[in-house]
């Protein structure tokens, strides 16, 4: 969630609370990954579209340099171009290393494309699990109706 009454800049700066004073800045790669945020630094978070708010929330989390990043259905209600951008960001973070990403997602194709390891839940329990390399799309799809 973002703070709807704070500007984009202020939302991003809330991440500074967990950083040492010398590290309190918005890294340039945030704007390389989310160029729309740079254009909207003075707009209130609540005035952004749903996809832009999702980008803002992910950017704020990235500023904190977490060891684990939990993304709970980041594609929900988001237009396809923003979904692609979020996928690009996750791919970028994976390539950089240093952060474990836990992606909770109902959009199977999106999750499959990005996953290293997959857990499929059904009725509150794990129905399928394993390294993506050891699973097939067909086997997972045959078990569930996605």
Protein backbone atom coordinates (compact mmCIF):
# COMPACT_ATOMS: atom_id res chain seq x y z
CA UNK A 1 0.00 0.00 0.00
CA UNK A 2 1.07 3.54 -0.62
CA UNK A 3 0.28 6.67 1.36
CA UNK A 4 -2.39 8.37 -0.80
CA UNK A 5 -1.97 11.87 0.62
CA UNK A 6 1.83 11.91 0.32
CA UNK A 7 3.55 12.79 -2.94
CA UNK A 8 5.45 10.18 -4.89
CA UNK A 9 8.70 11.65 -3.52
CA UNK A 10 7.40 11.54 0.06
CA UNK A 11 6.18 7.95 -0.41
CA UNK A 12 9.63 6.93 -1.63
CA UNK A 13 11.33 8.81 1.21
CA UNK A 14 9.35 6.88 3.83
CA UNK A 15 11.72 4.01 2.99
CA UNK A 16 14.60 6.07 4.37
CA UNK A 17 13.54 5.25 7.94
CA UNK A 18 15.34 1.89 7.79
CA UNK A 19 18.51 3.24 6.17
CA UNK A 20 21.60 4.83 7.66
CA UNK A 21 21.61 8.62 7.18
CA UNK A 22 24.44 8.36 4.65
CA UNK A 23 22.34 5.98 2.49
CA UNK A 24 19.19 8.09 2.40
CA UNK A 25 18.74 8.77 -1.28
CA UNK A 26 16.59 7.45 -4.10
CA UNK A 27 18.86 5.30 -6.28
CA UNK A 28 18.94 6.15 -9.99
CA UNK A 29 17.98 2.61 -10.93
CA UNK A 30 14.55 3.19 -9.37
CA UNK A 31 13.80 5.73 -12.10
CA UNK A 32 15.40 3.54 -14.77
CA UNK A 33 13.00 0.75 -13.77
CA UNK A 34 10.00 3.02 -13.13
CA UNK A 35 10.40 6.12 -15.34
CA UNK A 36 6.81 7.22 -14.74
CA UNK A 37 7.64 7.86 -11.08
CA UNK A 38 10.28 10.44 -11.97
CA UNK A 39 7.72 12.33 -14.03
CA UNK A 40 5.22 12.30 -11.15
CA UNK A 41 7.42 13.09 -8.15
CA UNK A 42 5.17 15.94 -7.01
CA UNK A 43 1.83 14.19 -7.53
CA UNK A 44 -0.01 12.65 -4.63
CA UNK A 45 0.13 8.87 -4.48
CA UNK A 46 -3.64 8.65 -4.37
CA UNK A 47 -3.86 10.44 -7.72
CA UNK A 48 -1.86 7.74 -9.52
CA UNK A 49 -3.46 4.90 -11.45
CA UNK A 50 -3.56 1.46 -9.84
CA UNK A 51 -0.57 0.31 -11.89
CA UNK A 52 1.43 3.41 -10.99
CA UNK A 53 0.61 2.89 -7.31
CA UNK A 54 1.85 -0.69 -7.60
CA UNK A 55 5.09 0.55 -9.16
CA UNK A 56 5.46 3.10 -6.36
CA UNK A 57 4.98 0.43 -3.69
CA UNK A 58 7.59 -1.85 -5.28
CA UNK A 59 10.03 1.05 -5.75
CA UNK A 60 9.67 2.06 -2.10
CA UNK A 61 10.37 -1.52 -1.02
CA UNK A 62 13.47 -1.64 -3.25
CA UNK A 63 14.87 1.53 -1.67
CA UNK A 64 14.95 -0.30 1.68
CA UNK A 65 17.29 -2.93 0.18
CA UNK A 66 15.40 -5.86 1.67
CA UNK A 67 16.83 -9.35 1.97
CA UNK A 68 13.36 -10.76 1.19
CA UNK A 69 10.79 -9.07 -1.04
CA UNK A 70 7.22 -10.38 -0.73
CA UNK A 71 5.05 -9.49 -3.71
CA UNK A 72 1.42 -10.40 -3.06
CA UNK A 73 -0.41 -10.51 -6.41
CA UNK A 74 1.37 -7.55 -7.99
CA UNK A 75 -0.55 -8.05 -11.26
CA UNK A 76 -4.03 -7.85 -9.75
CA UNK A 77 -6.12 -5.30 -11.63
CA UNK A 78 -3.12 -4.00 -13.57
CA UNK A 79 -3.01 -3.35 -17.31
CA UNK A 80 -0.84 -5.68 -19.43
CA UNK A 81 1.93 -3.14 -20.14
CA UNK A 82 2.45 -2.57 -16.40
CA UNK A 83 2.39 -6.34 -15.79
CA UNK A 84 5.25 -6.66 -18.29
CA UNK A 85 7.16 -3.87 -16.56
CA UNK A 86 6.73 -5.51 -13.15
CA UNK A 87 7.99 -8.78 -14.68
CA UNK A 88 11.02 -6.90 -16.02
CA UNK A 89 11.71 -5.48 -12.55
CA UNK A 90 11.50 -8.92 -10.94
CA UNK A 91 13.86 -10.31 -13.59
CA UNK A 92 16.25 -7.41 -12.93
CA UNK A 93 16.20 -8.03 -9.18
CA UNK A 94 16.83 -11.75 -9.69
CA UNK A 95 19.80 -10.99 -11.93
CA UNK A 96 21.28 -8.60 -9.36
CA UNK A 97 20.97 -11.18 -6.59
CA UNK A 98 21.03 -10.30 -2.92
CA UNK A 99 17.27 -10.46 -2.44
CA UNK A 100 14.97 -13.46 -2.19
CA UNK A 101 11.68 -12.81 -3.96
CA UNK A 102 8.50 -14.50 -2.82
CA UNK A 103 5.82 -14.01 -5.45
CA UNK A 104 2.24 -14.86 -4.56
CA UNK A 105 0.32 -14.82 -7.82
CA UNK A 106 -2.83 -16.21 -9.39
CA UNK A 107 -1.78 -15.30 -12.94
CA UNK A 108 -0.10 -18.61 -13.72
CA UNK A 109 1.81 -17.63 -16.87
CA UNK A 110 3.36 -14.63 -15.10
CA UNK A 111 4.42 -16.72 -12.10
CA UNK A 112 5.71 -19.60 -14.24
CA UNK A 113 7.85 -17.29 -16.36
CA UNK A 114 9.57 -15.76 -13.32
CA UNK A 115 9.76 -18.68 -10.91
CA UNK A 116 12.80 -20.70 -9.93
CA UNK A 117 10.72 -22.77 -7.52
CA UNK A 118 6.97 -23.25 -7.54
CA UNK A 119 4.42 -24.01 -4.85
CA UNK A 120 0.80 -24.47 -5.89
CA UNK A 121 -1.75 -24.30 -3.09
CA UNK A 122 -5.15 -25.95 -3.05
CA UNK A 123 -7.59 -25.96 -0.16
CA UNK A 124 -5.02 -24.47 2.21
CA UNK A 125 -2.28 -26.99 1.49
CA UNK A 126 0.58 -27.47 -0.93
CA UNK A 127 -0.66 -29.54 -3.88
CA UNK A 128 2.38 -29.22 -6.15
CA UNK A 129 5.89 -28.09 -5.33
CA UNK A 130 9.33 -28.24 -6.79
CA UNK A 131 12.02 -26.55 -8.81
CA UNK A 132 10.61 -25.24 -12.06
CA UNK A 133 13.24 -27.27 -13.92
CA UNK A 134 11.72 -30.43 -12.42
CA UNK A 135 8.10 -29.56 -13.24
CA UNK A 136 6.32 -29.22 -16.54
CA UNK A 137 3.73 -26.62 -17.40
CA UNK A 138 1.49 -29.40 -18.70
CA UNK A 139 1.70 -31.39 -15.47
CA UNK A 140 0.85 -28.37 -13.33
CA UNK A 141 -1.95 -27.24 -15.67
CA UNK A 142 -3.38 -30.78 -15.79
CA UNK A 143 -3.63 -30.85 -12.02
CA UNK A 144 -5.52 -27.56 -11.83
CA UNK A 145 -7.74 -25.54 -14.09
CA UNK A 146 -5.95 -22.23 -14.50
